[in-house]
C-alpha atoms as a PDB file:
ATOM      1  CA  MET A   1      -5.931  -0.190 -28.722  1.00  0.00           C
ATOM      2  CA  ARG A   2      -6.859  -0.798 -25.091  1.00  0.00           C
ATOM      3  CA  LEU A   3      -3.575   0.511 -23.668  1.00  0.00           C
ATOM      4  CA  LEU A   4      -2.090   2.341 -26.626  1.00  0.00           C
ATOM      5  CA  ASN A   5      -2.377   5.607 -24.724  1.00  0.00           C
ATOM      6  CA  GLY A   6      -2.005   4.014 -21.321  1.00  0.00           C
ATOM      7  CA  LEU A   7       1.573   3.250 -20.284  1.00  0.00           C
ATOM      8  CA  ILE A   8       4.939   4.520 -21.461  1.00  0.00           C
ATOM      9  CA  VAL A   9       8.528   3.691 -20.716  1.00  0.00           C
ATOM     10  CA  PHE A  10      10.153   7.000 -19.831  1.00  0.00           C
ATOM     11  CA  ALA A  11      13.695   5.772 -19.150  1.00  0.00           C
ATOM     12  CA  MET A  12      15.701   2.744 -18.165  1.00  0.00           C
ATOM     13  CA  ALA A  13      15.359   2.273 -14.460  1.00  0.00           C
ATOM     14  CA  VAL A  14      18.687   0.504 -14.206  1.00  0.00           C
ATOM     15  CA  LEU A  15      20.500   3.196 -16.137  1.00  0.00           C
ATOM     16  CA  ALA A  16      21.795   6.623 -15.290  1.00  0.00           C
ATOM     17  CA  SER A  17      22.487   9.851 -17.119  1.00  0.00           C
ATOM     18  CA  SER A  18      25.811  11.633 -16.806  1.00  0.00           C
ATOM     19  CA  ALA A  19      23.982  14.859 -16.011  1.00  0.00           C
ATOM     20  CA  GLN A  20      24.500  15.976 -12.427  1.00  0.00           C
ATOM     21  CA  ALA A  21      21.603  17.359 -10.427  1.00  0.00           C
ATOM     22  CA  GLN A  22      22.198  20.658  -8.659  1.00  0.00           C
ATOM     23  CA  SER A  23      20.500  21.724  -5.469  1.00  0.00           C
ATOM     24  CA  PRO A  24      18.479  24.881  -5.983  1.00  0.00           C
ATOM     25  CA  THR A  25      19.027  27.739  -3.575  1.00  0.00           C
ATOM     26  CA  SER A  26      15.388  27.770  -2.569  1.00  0.00           C
ATOM     27  CA  THR A  27      13.093  24.795  -3.030  1.00  0.00           C
ATOM     28  CA  PRO A  28       9.375  24.299  -2.439  1.00  0.00           C
ATOM     29  CA  ALA A  29       8.083  21.261  -0.582  1.00  0.00           C
ATOM     30  CA  PRO A  30       9.028  18.128  -2.545  1.00  0.00           C
ATOM     31  CA  THR A  31       6.364  16.379  -4.613  1.00  0.00           C
ATOM     32  CA  SER A  32       5.512  12.981  -3.163  1.00  0.00           C
ATOM     33  CA  LEU A  33       5.939  10.102  -5.625  1.00  0.00           C
ATOM     34  CA  ARG A  34       4.626   6.593  -5.022  1.00  0.00           C
ATOM     35  CA  VAL A  35       7.012   4.157  -6.699  1.00  0.00           C
ATOM     36  CA  ILE A  36       6.333   0.428  -6.937  1.00  0.00           C
ATOM     37  CA  ALA A  37       8.974  -2.167  -7.837  1.00  0.00           C
ATOM     38  CA  PHE A  38       9.972  -5.764  -7.344  1.00  0.00           C
ATOM     39  CA  ASP A  39      12.150  -6.381  -4.298  1.00  0.00           C
ATOM     40  CA  GLY A  40      15.823  -6.844  -5.204  1.00  0.00           C
ATOM     41  CA  GLY A  41      19.253  -5.377  -5.750  1.00  0.00           C
ATOM     42  CA  TRP A  42      18.206  -3.512  -8.913  1.00  0.00           C
ATOM     43  CA  ASN A  43      16.609  -0.970  -6.548  1.00  0.00           C
ATOM     44  CA  LEU A  44      20.065   0.098  -5.352  1.00  0.00           C
ATOM     45  CA  PRO A  45      19.903   3.503  -7.148  1.00  0.00           C
ATOM     46  CA  ILE A  46      16.580   4.265  -5.412  1.00  0.00           C
ATOM     47  CA  TRP A  47      17.952   3.319  -2.002  1.00  0.00           C
ATOM     48  CA  ALA A  48      21.049   5.434  -2.644  1.00  0.00           C
ATOM     49  CA  ALA A  49      18.999   8.416  -3.835  1.00  0.00           C
ATOM     50  CA  GLN A  50      16.866   8.212  -0.694  1.00  0.00           C
ATOM     51  CA  ARG A  51      19.880   7.962   1.612  1.00  0.00           C
ATOM     52  CA  GLN A  52      21.892  10.701  -0.062  1.00  0.00           C
ATOM     53  CA  GLY A  53      19.000  13.139  -0.481  1.00  0.00           C
ATOM     54  CA  PHE A  54      19.176  13.211  -4.278  1.00  0.00           C
ATOM     55  CA  PHE A  55      15.401  12.967  -4.641  1.00  0.00           C
ATOM     56  CA  GLU A  56      14.758  15.909  -2.321  1.00  0.00           C
ATOM     57  CA  ALA A  57      17.440  17.956  -4.097  1.00  0.00           C
ATOM     58  CA  ASN A  58      15.418  17.483  -7.278  1.00  0.00           C
ATOM     59  CA  GLY A  59      12.052  18.356  -5.774  1.00  0.00           C
ATOM     60  CA  VAL A  60      10.575  14.912  -5.104  1.00  0.00           C
ATOM     61  CA  ALA A  61      10.125  12.544  -2.168  1.00  0.00           C
ATOM     62  CA  VAL A  62       9.905   8.854  -3.056  1.00  0.00           C
ATOM     63  CA  GLN A  63       7.789   6.326  -1.189  1.00  0.00           C
ATOM     64  CA  LEU A  64       8.955   2.908  -2.383  1.00  0.00           C
ATOM     65  CA  SER A  65       6.761  -0.186  -2.091  1.00  0.00           C
ATOM     66  CA  TYR A  66       7.246  -3.726  -3.350  1.00  0.00           C
ATOM     67  CA  THR A  67       4.865  -5.698  -5.530  1.00  0.00           C
ATOM     68  CA  PRO A  68       4.112  -9.416  -5.148  1.00  0.00           C
ATOM     69  CA  THR A  69       3.456  -9.911  -8.895  1.00  0.00           C
ATOM     70  CA  SER A  70       3.630  -8.106 -12.228  1.00  0.00           C
ATOM     71  CA  ALA A  71      -0.166  -8.095 -12.468  1.00  0.00           C
ATOM     72  CA  PHE A  72      -0.396  -6.301  -9.108  1.00  0.00           C
ATOM     73  CA  LEU A  73       2.213  -3.762 -10.228  1.00  0.00           C
ATOM     74  CA  ILE A  74       0.426  -2.842 -13.469  1.00  0.00           C
ATOM     75  CA  GLN A  75      -2.968  -2.769 -11.785  1.00  0.00           C
ATOM     76  CA  SER A  76      -1.549  -0.432  -9.139  1.00  0.00           C
ATOM     77  CA  LEU A  77      -0.611   2.080 -11.843  1.00  0.00           C
ATOM     78  CA  PHE A  78      -4.023   2.028 -13.457  1.00  0.00           C
ATOM     79  CA  ASP A  79      -5.844   2.194 -10.135  1.00  0.00           C
ATOM     80  CA  GLY A  80      -3.859   5.335  -9.291  1.00  0.00           C
ATOM     81  CA  LYS A  81      -2.287   3.703  -6.234  1.00  0.00           C
ATOM     82  CA  SER A  82       1.222   4.121  -7.681  1.00  0.00           C
ATOM     83  CA  ASP A  83       2.692   6.867  -9.860  1.00  0.00           C
ATOM     84  CA  ILE A  84       5.808   5.154 -11.241  1.00  0.00           C
ATOM     85  CA  ALA A  85       6.648   1.486 -11.686  1.00  0.00           C
ATOM     86  CA  ILE A  86      10.093  -0.060 -11.990  1.00  0.00           C
ATOM     87  CA  ALA A  87       9.777  -3.389 -13.782  1.00  0.00           C
ATOM     88  CA  LEU A  88      10.698  -5.365 -16.885  1.00  0.00           C
ATOM     89  CA  ILE A  89       9.689  -3.577 -20.065  1.00  0.00           C
ATOM     90  CA  ASP A  90       8.175  -6.904 -21.172  1.00  0.00           C
ATOM     91  CA  ASN A  91       5.409  -6.335 -18.631  1.00  0.00           C
ATOM     92  CA  LEU A  92       4.426  -3.064 -20.276  1.00  0.00           C
ATOM     93  CA  VAL A  93       4.431  -4.643 -23.746  1.00  0.00           C
ATOM     94  CA  ALA A  94       2.323  -7.565 -22.536  1.00  0.00           C
ATOM     95  CA  TYR A  95      -0.372  -5.397 -21.010  1.00  0.00           C
ATOM     96  CA  GLN A  96      -0.418  -2.933 -23.881  1.00  0.00           C
ATOM     97  CA  GLU A  97      -0.775  -5.738 -26.424  1.00  0.00           C
ATOM     98  CA  GLY A  98      -3.495  -7.580 -24.498  1.00  0.00           C
ATOM     99  CA  GLN A  99      -1.251 -10.577 -23.736  1.00  0.00           C
ATOM    100  CA  ASP A 100      -1.564 -10.137 -19.977  1.00  0.00           C
ATOM    101  CA  GLU A 101      -3.043 -11.878 -16.956  1.00  0.00           C
ATOM    102  CA  ALA A 102      -4.684  -8.883 -15.272  1.00  0.00           C
ATOM    103  CA  LYS A 103      -7.794  -6.932 -16.159  1.00  0.00           C
ATOM    104  CA  ILE A 104      -6.864  -3.337 -16.963  1.00  0.00           C
ATOM    105  CA  PRO A 105      -9.438  -0.574 -17.596  1.00  0.00           C
ATOM    106  CA  ASP A 106     -10.090   0.028 -21.296  1.00  0.00           C
ATOM    107  CA  ASN A 107      -9.621   3.760 -20.839  1.00  0.00           C
ATOM    108  CA  PRO A 108      -7.092   4.203 -18.288  1.00  0.00           C
ATOM    109  CA  SER A 109       9.582  -1.295 -15.869  1.00  0.00           C
ATOM    110  CA  GLY A 110      18.759  -7.632 -16.337  1.00  0.00           C
ATOM    111  CA  PHE A 111      20.957 -10.039 -14.428  1.00  0.00           C
ATOM    112  CA  ALA A 112      18.723 -13.061 -14.834  1.00  0.00           C
ATOM    113  CA  THR A 113      19.701 -16.710 -14.413  1.00  0.00           C
ATOM    114  CA  VAL A 114      17.891 -20.029 -14.124  1.00  0.00           C
ATOM    115  CA  VAL A 115      18.713 -21.524 -10.726  1.00  0.00           C
ATOM    116  CA  ALA A 116      17.860 -25.073  -9.654  1.00  0.00           C
ATOM    117  CA  ALA A 117      17.927 -27.213  -6.536  1.00  0.00           C
ATOM    118  CA  PRO A 118      21.301 -28.877  -5.726  1.00  0.00           C
ATOM    119  CA  ALA A 119      20.268 -32.164  -7.348  1.00  0.00           C
ATOM    120  CA  PHE A 120      20.029 -30.617 -10.831  1.00  0.00           C
ATOM    121  CA  LYS A 121      23.152 -29.801 -12.845  1.00  0.00           C
ATOM    122  CA  THR A 122      21.679 -28.992 -16.290  1.00  0.00           C
ATOM    123  CA  LEU A 123      18.430 -27.701 -17.777  1.00  0.00           C
ATOM    124  CA  ALA A 124      17.954 -31.042 -19.501  1.00  0.00           C
ATOM    125  CA  GLY A 125      17.943 -32.621 -16.061  1.00  0.00           C
ATOM    126  CA  LEU A 126      14.720 -30.763 -15.242  1.00  0.00           C
ATOM    127  CA  THR A 127      12.617 -33.098 -17.426  1.00  0.00           C
ATOM    128  CA  GLY A 128       9.419 -33.837 -15.543  1.00  0.00           C
ATOM    129  CA  LYS A 129      10.158 -31.125 -12.957  1.00  0.00           C
ATOM    130  CA  THR A 130       8.677 -27.709 -12.135  1.00  0.00           C
ATOM    131  CA  ILE A 131      10.042 -24.265 -13.048  1.00  0.00           C
ATOM    132  CA  SER A 132       8.438 -21.268 -11.391  1.00  0.00           C
ATOM    133  CA  VAL A 133       7.808 -17.894 -13.029  1.00  0.00           C
ATOM    134  CA  ASP A 134       6.199 -14.635 -11.950  1.00  0.00           C
ATOM    135  CA  ALA A 135       3.193 -14.968 -14.263  1.00  0.00           C
ATOM    136  CA  MET A 136       2.727 -17.306 -17.192  1.00  0.00           C
ATOM    137  CA  THR A 137       2.577 -14.606 -19.866  1.00  0.00           C
ATOM    138  CA  THR A 138       4.736 -11.753 -18.582  1.00  0.00           C
ATOM    139  CA  GLY A 139       8.113 -10.837 -17.205  1.00  0.00           C
ATOM    140  CA  TYR A 140      10.910 -13.334 -17.613  1.00  0.00           C
ATOM    141  CA  ALA A 141       8.534 -16.260 -18.229  1.00  0.00           C
ATOM    142  CA  LEU A 142       9.188 -15.934 -21.954  1.00  0.00           C
ATOM    143  CA  VAL A 143      12.939 -15.860 -21.343  1.00  0.00           C
ATOM    144  CA  VAL A 144      12.711 -19.117 -19.381  1.00  0.00           C
ATOM    145  CA  ARG A 145      10.648 -20.719 -22.130  1.00  0.00           C
ATOM    146  CA  GLU A 146      13.237 -19.716 -24.735  1.00  0.00           C
ATOM    147  CA  LEU A 147      16.121 -21.012 -22.605  1.00  0.00           C
ATOM    148  CA  VAL A 148      14.284 -24.305 -22.170  1.00  0.00           C
ATOM    149  CA  SER A 149      13.777 -24.512 -25.931  1.00  0.00           C
ATOM    150  CA  ARG A 150      17.448 -23.793 -26.644  1.00  0.00           C
ATOM    151  CA  ASN A 151      18.489 -26.604 -24.326  1.00  0.00           C
ATOM    152  CA  SER A 152      16.650 -29.311 -26.289  1.00  0.00           C
ATOM    153  CA  LEU A 153      13.616 -29.451 -24.017  1.00  0.00           C
ATOM    154  CA  ALA A 154      10.035 -29.229 -25.175  1.00  0.00           C
ATOM    155  CA  GLU A 155       7.698 -27.101 -23.071  1.00  0.00           C
ATOM    156  CA  SER A 156       5.754 -30.270 -22.313  1.00  0.00           C
ATOM    157  CA  ASP A 157       8.898 -31.720 -20.701  1.00  0.00           C
ATOM    158  CA  VAL A 158       8.597 -29.333 -17.743  1.00  0.00           C
ATOM    159  CA  SER A 159       5.789 -27.789 -15.707  1.00  0.00           C
ATOM    160  CA  PHE A 160       5.632 -24.014 -15.360  1.00  0.00           C
ATOM    161  CA  VAL A 161       4.003 -22.674 -12.194  1.00  0.00           C
ATOM    162  CA  ARG A 162       3.174 -19.150 -10.997  1.00  0.00           C
ATOM    163  CA  ALA A 163       5.059 -18.024  -7.911  1.00  0.00           C
ATOM    164  CA  GLY A 164       5.088 -14.204  -7.966  1.00  0.00           C
ATOM    165  CA  GLY A 165       8.097 -11.886  -7.801  1.00  0.00           C
ATOM    166  CA  THR A 166      11.771 -12.786  -7.542  1.00  0.00           C
ATOM    167  CA  ALA A 167      12.002 -12.629  -3.749  1.00  0.00           C
ATOM    168  CA  ASN A 168       9.035 -14.964  -3.328  1.00  0.00           C
ATOM    169  CA  ARG A 169      10.327 -17.371  -5.985  1.00  0.00           C
ATOM    170  CA  TYR A 170      13.675 -17.466  -4.207  1.00  0.00           C
ATOM    171  CA  ARG A 171      12.027 -18.334  -0.871  1.00  0.00           C
ATOM    172  CA  GLU A 172       9.842 -21.030  -2.453  1.00  0.00           C
ATOM    173  CA  LEU A 173      12.844 -22.514  -4.269  1.00  0.00           C
ATOM    174  CA  LEU A 174      14.673 -22.829  -0.950  1.00  0.00           C
ATOM    175  CA  ALA A 175      11.573 -24.396   0.582  1.00  0.00           C
ATOM    176  CA  GLY A 176      11.489 -27.056  -2.142  1.00  0.00           C
ATOM    177  CA  LYS A 177       8.130 -25.988  -3.549  1.00  0.00           C
ATOM    178  CA  HIS A 178       9.547 -26.160  -7.086  1.00  0.00           C
ATOM    179  CA  ASP A 179      12.728 -27.421  -8.687  1.00  0.00           C
ATOM    180  CA  ALA A 180      14.020 -24.329 -10.505  1.00  0.00           C
ATOM    181  CA  THR A 181      13.230 -20.702 -11.168  1.00  0.00           C
ATOM    182  CA  LEU A 182      14.635 -17.586 -12.792  1.00  0.00           C
ATOM    183  CA  LEU A 183      16.398 -15.291 -10.317  1.00  0.00           C
ATOM    184  CA  ARG A 184      17.940 -11.849 -10.612  1.00  0.00           C
ATOM    185  CA  THR A 185      20.948 -10.444  -8.758  1.00  0.00           C
ATOM    186  CA  PRO A 186      21.524 -10.831  -5.877  1.00  0.00           C
ATOM    187  CA  PHE A 187      19.110 -13.727  -5.405  1.00  0.00           C
ATOM    188  CA  GLU A 188      21.121 -16.124  -7.566  1.00  0.00           C
ATOM    189  CA  LEU A 189      24.106 -15.386  -5.286  1.00  0.00           C
ATOM    190  CA  LEU A 190      22.040 -16.088  -2.185  1.00  0.00           C
ATOM    191  CA  ALA A 191      20.834 -19.379  -3.701  1.00  0.00           C
ATOM    192  CA  ARG A 192      24.302 -20.413  -4.879  1.00  0.00           C
ATOM    193  CA  ASN A 193      25.583 -19.765  -1.355  1.00  0.00           C
ATOM    194  CA  ARG A 194      23.127 -22.479  -0.262  1.00  0.00           C
ATOM    195  CA  SER A 195      24.497 -24.966  -2.841  1.00  0.00           C
ATOM    196  CA  PHE A 196      21.833 -24.334  -5.494  1.00  0.00           C
ATOM    197  CA  ASN A 197      23.048 -24.419  -9.097  1.00  0.00           C
ATOM    198  CA  VAL A 198      22.984 -21.776 -11.841  1.00  0.00           C
ATOM    199  CA  LEU A 199      21.980 -23.613 -15.033  1.00  0.00           C
ATOM    200  CA  ALA A 200      21.582 -20.881 -17.650  1.00  0.00           C
ATOM    201  CA  SER A 201      21.736 -17.124 -18.111  1.00  0.00           C
ATOM    202  CA  ALA A 202      19.548 -14.719 -20.057  1.00  0.00           C
ATOM    203  CA  GLU A 203      22.790 -13.242 -21.400  1.00  0.00           C
ATOM    204  CA  SER A 204      22.834 -16.081 -23.925  1.00  0.00           C
ATOM    205  CA  LEU A 205      19.909 -14.412 -25.702  1.00  0.00           C
ATOM    206  CA  GLY A 206      22.019 -11.370 -26.583  1.00  0.00           C
ATOM    207  CA  ALA A 207      20.897  -7.777 -25.995  1.00  0.00           C
ATOM    208  CA  TYR A 208      17.779  -7.776 -23.804  1.00  0.00           C
ATOM    209  CA  GLN A 209      16.066  -4.705 -22.418  1.00  0.00           C
ATOM    210  CA  GLY A 210      15.301  -5.548 -18.821  1.00  0.00           C
ATOM    211  CA  THR A 211      14.162  -3.157 -16.105  1.00  0.00           C
ATOM    212  CA  ALA A 212      12.576   0.132 -17.146  1.00  0.00           C
ATOM    213  CA  GLY A 213      10.759   3.039 -15.551  1.00  0.00           C
ATOM    214  CA  MET A 214       7.122   3.304 -16.599  1.00  0.00           C
ATOM    215  CA  ALA A 215       4.126   5.495 -15.903  1.00  0.00           C
ATOM    216  CA  ARG A 216       0.703   6.301 -17.288  1.00  0.00           C
ATOM    217  CA  ARG A 217       0.924   8.771 -20.161  1.00  0.00           C
ATOM    218  CA  SER A 218      -1.734  11.026 -18.645  1.00  0.00           C
ATOM    219  CA  TRP A 219       0.027  11.061 -15.262  1.00  0.00           C
ATOM    220  CA  ALA A 220       3.385  11.853 -16.883  1.00  0.00           C
ATOM    221  CA  ARG A 221       1.903  14.805 -18.809  1.00  0.00           C
ATOM    222  CA  ASP A 222       0.366  16.225 -15.649  1.00  0.00           C
ATOM    223  CA  HIS A 223       3.489  15.694 -13.507  1.00  0.00           C
ATOM    224  CA  GLU A 224       6.313  16.455 -15.915  1.00  0.00           C
ATOM    225  CA  SER A 225       8.434  18.398 -13.422  1.00  0.00           C
ATOM    226  CA  ALA A 226       8.274  15.635 -10.808  1.00  0.00           C
ATOM    227  CA  LEU A 227       9.036  12.925 -13.361  1.00  0.00           C
ATOM    228  CA  VAL A 228      12.032  14.819 -14.707  1.00  0.00           C
ATOM    229  CA  GLY A 229      13.228  15.356 -11.118  1.00  0.00           C
ATOM    230  CA  PHE A 230      12.902  11.622 -10.424  1.00  0.00           C
ATOM    231  CA  ILE A 231      15.007  10.741 -13.484  1.00  0.00           C
ATOM    232  CA  ARG A 232      17.677  13.317 -12.594  1.00  0.00           C
ATOM    233  CA  ALA A 233      17.914  12.029  -9.037  1.00  0.00           C
ATOM    234  CA  TYR A 234      18.109   8.444 -10.254  1.00  0.00           C
ATOM    235  CA  ALA A 235      20.910   9.432 -12.602  1.00  0.00           C
ATOM    236  CA  GLN A 236      22.830  11.181  -9.838  1.00  0.00           C
ATOM    237  CA  ALA A 237      22.400   8.166  -7.548  1.00  0.00           C
ATOM    238  CA  THR A 238      23.790   5.758 -10.133  1.00  0.00           C
ATOM    239  CA  ASP A 239      26.796   8.000 -10.735  1.00  0.00           C
ATOM    240  CA  TRP A 240      27.316   8.075  -6.972  1.00  0.00           C
ATOM    241  CA  LEU A 241      27.136   4.263  -6.793  1.00  0.00           C
ATOM    242  CA  TYR A 242      29.767   3.889  -9.500  1.00  0.00           C
ATOM    243  CA  ASP A 243      32.169   6.053  -7.513  1.00  0.00           C
ATOM    244  CA  ARG A 244      34.290   3.343  -5.880  1.00  0.00           C
ATOM    245  CA  ALA A 245      34.820   5.607  -2.878  1.00  0.00           C
ATOM    246  CA  ASN A 246      31.171   4.913  -2.002  1.00  0.00           C
ATOM    247  CA  ARG A 247      31.428   1.140  -2.299  1.00  0.00           C
ATOM    248  CA  ASP A 248      31.224   0.435   1.440  1.00  0.00           C
ATOM    249  CA  VAL A 249      27.976   2.400   1.741  1.00  0.00           C
ATOM    250  CA  ALA A 250      26.522   0.725  -1.352  1.00  0.00           C
ATOM    251  CA  GLU A 251      27.270  -2.701   0.092  1.00  0.00           C
ATOM    252  CA  ALA A 252      25.710  -1.661   3.397  1.00  0.00           C
ATOM    253  CA  LEU A 253      22.549  -0.651   1.530  1.00  0.00           C
ATOM    254  CA  LEU A 254      22.342  -4.141   0.021  1.00  0.00           C
ATOM    255  CA  VAL A 255      22.720  -5.749   3.449  1.00  0.00           C
ATOM    256  CA  ALA A 256      20.135  -3.426   4.990  1.00  0.00           C
ATOM    257  CA  ASN A 257      17.509  -3.904   2.297  1.00  0.00           C
ATOM    258  CA  ILE A 258      17.742  -7.557   1.242  1.00  0.00           C
ATOM    259  CA  ARG A 259      16.790 -10.485   3.406  1.00  0.00           C
ATOM    260  CA  ASP A 260      19.541 -13.129   3.839  1.00  0.00           C
ATOM    261  CA  MET A 261      22.187 -10.743   2.457  1.00  0.00           C
ATOM    262  CA  THR A 262      25.568 -10.922   4.175  1.00  0.00           C
ATOM    263  CA  PRO A 263      28.536  -8.538   3.889  1.00  0.00           C
ATOM    264  CA  ALA A 264      30.463 -11.143   1.888  1.00  0.00           C
ATOM    265  CA  LEU A 265      27.614 -11.681  -0.573  1.00  0.00           C
ATOM    266  CA  ALA A 266      27.073  -7.922  -0.810  1.00  0.00           C
ATOM    267  CA  LYS A 267      30.621  -7.596  -2.139  1.00  0.00           C
ATOM    268  CA  GLN A 268      29.812 -10.146  -4.860  1.00  0.00           C
ATOM    269  CA  ALA A 269      26.513  -8.433  -5.656  1.00  0.00           C
ATOM    270  CA  TYR A 270      28.249  -5.064  -5.945  1.00  0.00           C
ATOM    271  CA  ASP A 271      30.763  -6.538  -8.402  1.00  0.00           C
ATOM    272  CA  ILE A 272      27.880  -7.718 -10.617  1.00  0.00           C
ATOM    273  CA  LEU A 273      25.480  -4.794 -10.291  1.00  0.00           C
ATOM    274  CA  LEU A 274      28.143  -2.127 -10.677  1.00  0.00           C
ATOM    275  CA  ALA A 275      30.588  -3.816 -13.019  1.00  0.00           C
ATOM    276  CA  ASP A 276      32.193  -1.538 -15.590  1.00  0.00           C
ATOM    277  CA  LYS A 277      30.926  -3.916 -18.275  1.00  0.00           C
ATOM    278  CA  GLY A 278      27.590  -5.634 -17.799  1.00  0.00           C
ATOM    279  CA  GLY A 279      26.532  -3.710 -14.679  1.00  0.00           C
ATOM    280  CA  LEU A 280      23.824  -1.108 -14.270  1.00  0.00           C
ATOM    281  CA  TYR A 281      23.931   1.113 -17.342  1.00  0.00           C
ATOM    282  CA  ARG A 282      24.846   4.760 -16.860  1.00  0.00           C
ATOM    283  CA  ASN A 283      22.912   6.026 -19.881  1.00  0.00           C
ATOM    284  CA  LEU A 284      19.183   6.176 -19.261  1.00  0.00           C
ATOM    285  CA  ALA A 285      18.071   5.873 -22.886  1.00  0.00           C
ATOM    286  CA  PRO A 286      16.283   2.543 -23.495  1.00  0.00           C
ATOM    287  CA  ASP A 287      18.207   0.223 -25.815  1.00  0.00           C
ATOM    288  CA  ALA A 288      16.381  -0.329 -29.115  1.00  0.00           C
ATOM    289  CA  ALA A 289      18.208  -3.588 -29.862  1.00  0.00           C
ATOM    290  CA  GLY A 290      17.359  -4.911 -26.405  1.00  0.00           C
ATOM    291  CA  ILE A 291      13.692  -4.000 -26.846  1.00  0.00           C
ATOM    292  CA  ARG A 292      13.632  -5.797 -30.196  1.00  0.00           C
ATOM    293  CA  THR A 293      14.737  -8.989 -28.420  1.00  0.00           C
ATOM    294  CA  VAL A 294      11.853  -8.557 -25.979  1.00  0.00           C
ATOM    295  CA  LEU A 295       9.441  -8.050 -28.880  1.00  0.00           C
ATOM    296  CA  ALA A 296      10.807 -11.077 -30.760  1.00  0.00           C
ATOM    297  CA  LEU A 297      10.196 -13.340 -27.750  1.00  0.00           C
ATOM    298  CA  ARG A 298       6.729 -11.888 -27.226  1.00  0.00           C
ATOM    299  CA  SER A 299       5.938 -12.372 -30.927  1.00  0.00           C
ATOM    300  CA  LYS A 300       6.969 -16.024 -30.587  1.00  0.00           C
ATOM    301  CA  TYR A 301       5.301 -16.900 -27.298  1.00  0.00           C
ATOM    302  CA  GLY A 302       2.627 -14.254 -26.619  1.00  0.00           C
ATOM    303  CA  THR A 303      -1.087 -15.032 -26.792  1.00  0.00           C
ATOM    304  CA  PRO A 304      -2.950 -13.885 -28.837  1.00  0.00           C
ATOM    305  CA  GLN A 305      -0.033 -14.072 -31.246  1.00  0.00           C
ATOM    306  CA  LYS A 306       1.121 -10.786 -32.758  1.00  0.00           C
ATOM    307  CA  THR A 307       4.126  -9.696 -34.771  1.00  0.00           C
ATOM    308  CA  LEU A 308       5.777  -6.930 -32.727  1.00  0.00           C
ATOM    309  CA  THR A 309       8.731  -5.042 -34.195  1.00  0.00           C
ATOM    310  CA  ASP A 310       8.583  -1.347 -33.258  1.00  0.00           C
ATOM    311  CA  PRO A 311      10.378  -0.379 -29.992  1.00  0.00           C
ATOM    312  CA  SER A 312       9.317   3.272 -30.297  1.00  0.00           C
ATOM    313  CA  LYS A 313       5.670   2.314 -29.762  1.00  0.00           C
ATOM    314  CA  TYR A 314       6.295   1.851 -26.053  1.00  0.00           C
ATOM    315  CA  VAL A 315       8.802   4.620 -25.304  1.00  0.00           C
ATOM    316  CA  ASP A 316       8.562   8.378 -24.743  1.00  0.00           C
ATOM    317  CA  LEU A 317      12.067   9.861 -24.578  1.00  0.00           C
ATOM    318  CA  SER A 318      10.958  13.465 -24.006  1.00  0.00           C
ATOM    319  CA  TYR A 319      11.220  13.185 -20.199  1.00  0.00           C
ATOM    320  CA  TYR A 320      14.643  11.549 -20.385  1.00  0.00           C
ATOM    321  CA  GLU A 321      15.845  14.275 -22.759  1.00  0.00           C
ATOM    322  CA  LYS A 322      14.660  17.027 -20.410  1.00  0.00           C
ATOM    323  CA  ALA A 323      16.259  15.318 -17.436  1.00  0.00           C
ATOM    324  CA  SER A 324      19.544  14.947 -19.313  1.00  0.00           C
ATOM    325  CA  ALA A 325      19.658  18.565 -20.509  1.00  0.00           C
ATOM    326  CA  LYS A 326      22.143  20.800 -18.751  1.00  0.00           C
ATOM    327  CA  LYS A 327      20.612  23.329 -16.403  1.00  0.00           C
END
């Protein structure tokens, strides 16, 4: 019960609604929103919304910061230092079910591949080697464990180590501090450009709900208008990104916001992130089948062990529905 009324997923952060935001004729000062996320290309809709003024047109001003770990991100929400988090929905489930690595007060968010150093060509080749994850019990750690299992390796055959968020894991992989890690777009492209090898993809697990927008239930109730404005602006930004006429600007945003990104790699990242099939979704509603995959992995690997089957326990669609309604 410790977080049953704590956090909610309010919409997919990597998705967008088809509803178009309209600029009001007279607007009050925008509401400031503190948004925390992991550093990476999945933030492209936020960067676009900031550049194009979509947030301001919907009554909010977003201050984006990056988290070093999932534990820091969740703690930031409960400490009131952040209003909205963009992270894997698995993080929310972990903390709500008490399978986490951070202490949270009792009353208080896809494109993933396993990438290894140039010497390793298969997952089986990682026997006796190290694989880094964000935290041992949250995020994509469970995905990595399942991929290891499906490639005829026992967990005892490899060593899992904590290394924080994707950007930090990427840097430590390049530095040789571990042999493999799970990276998300565009970091697998950056690594592959340096002769590192992609060994497996989370796509092999089927539908998997990845990044989501999340907030404290109490905060969402008290700031409904701002939250709805955030979702509308995010939706408008994603629609804007999918307009191929804006491709050059989208690629420039990737280069400007991601370390080591080059114009050539930005073109590849755009093709992945904004692919017609398999790219950022344009419908904000969380995917029930994808959440069930998350819950199945957490039921298998989470500690203390629980059988988790109900996606609706973690989602409040009322804000998404209001944001999607025509004005």
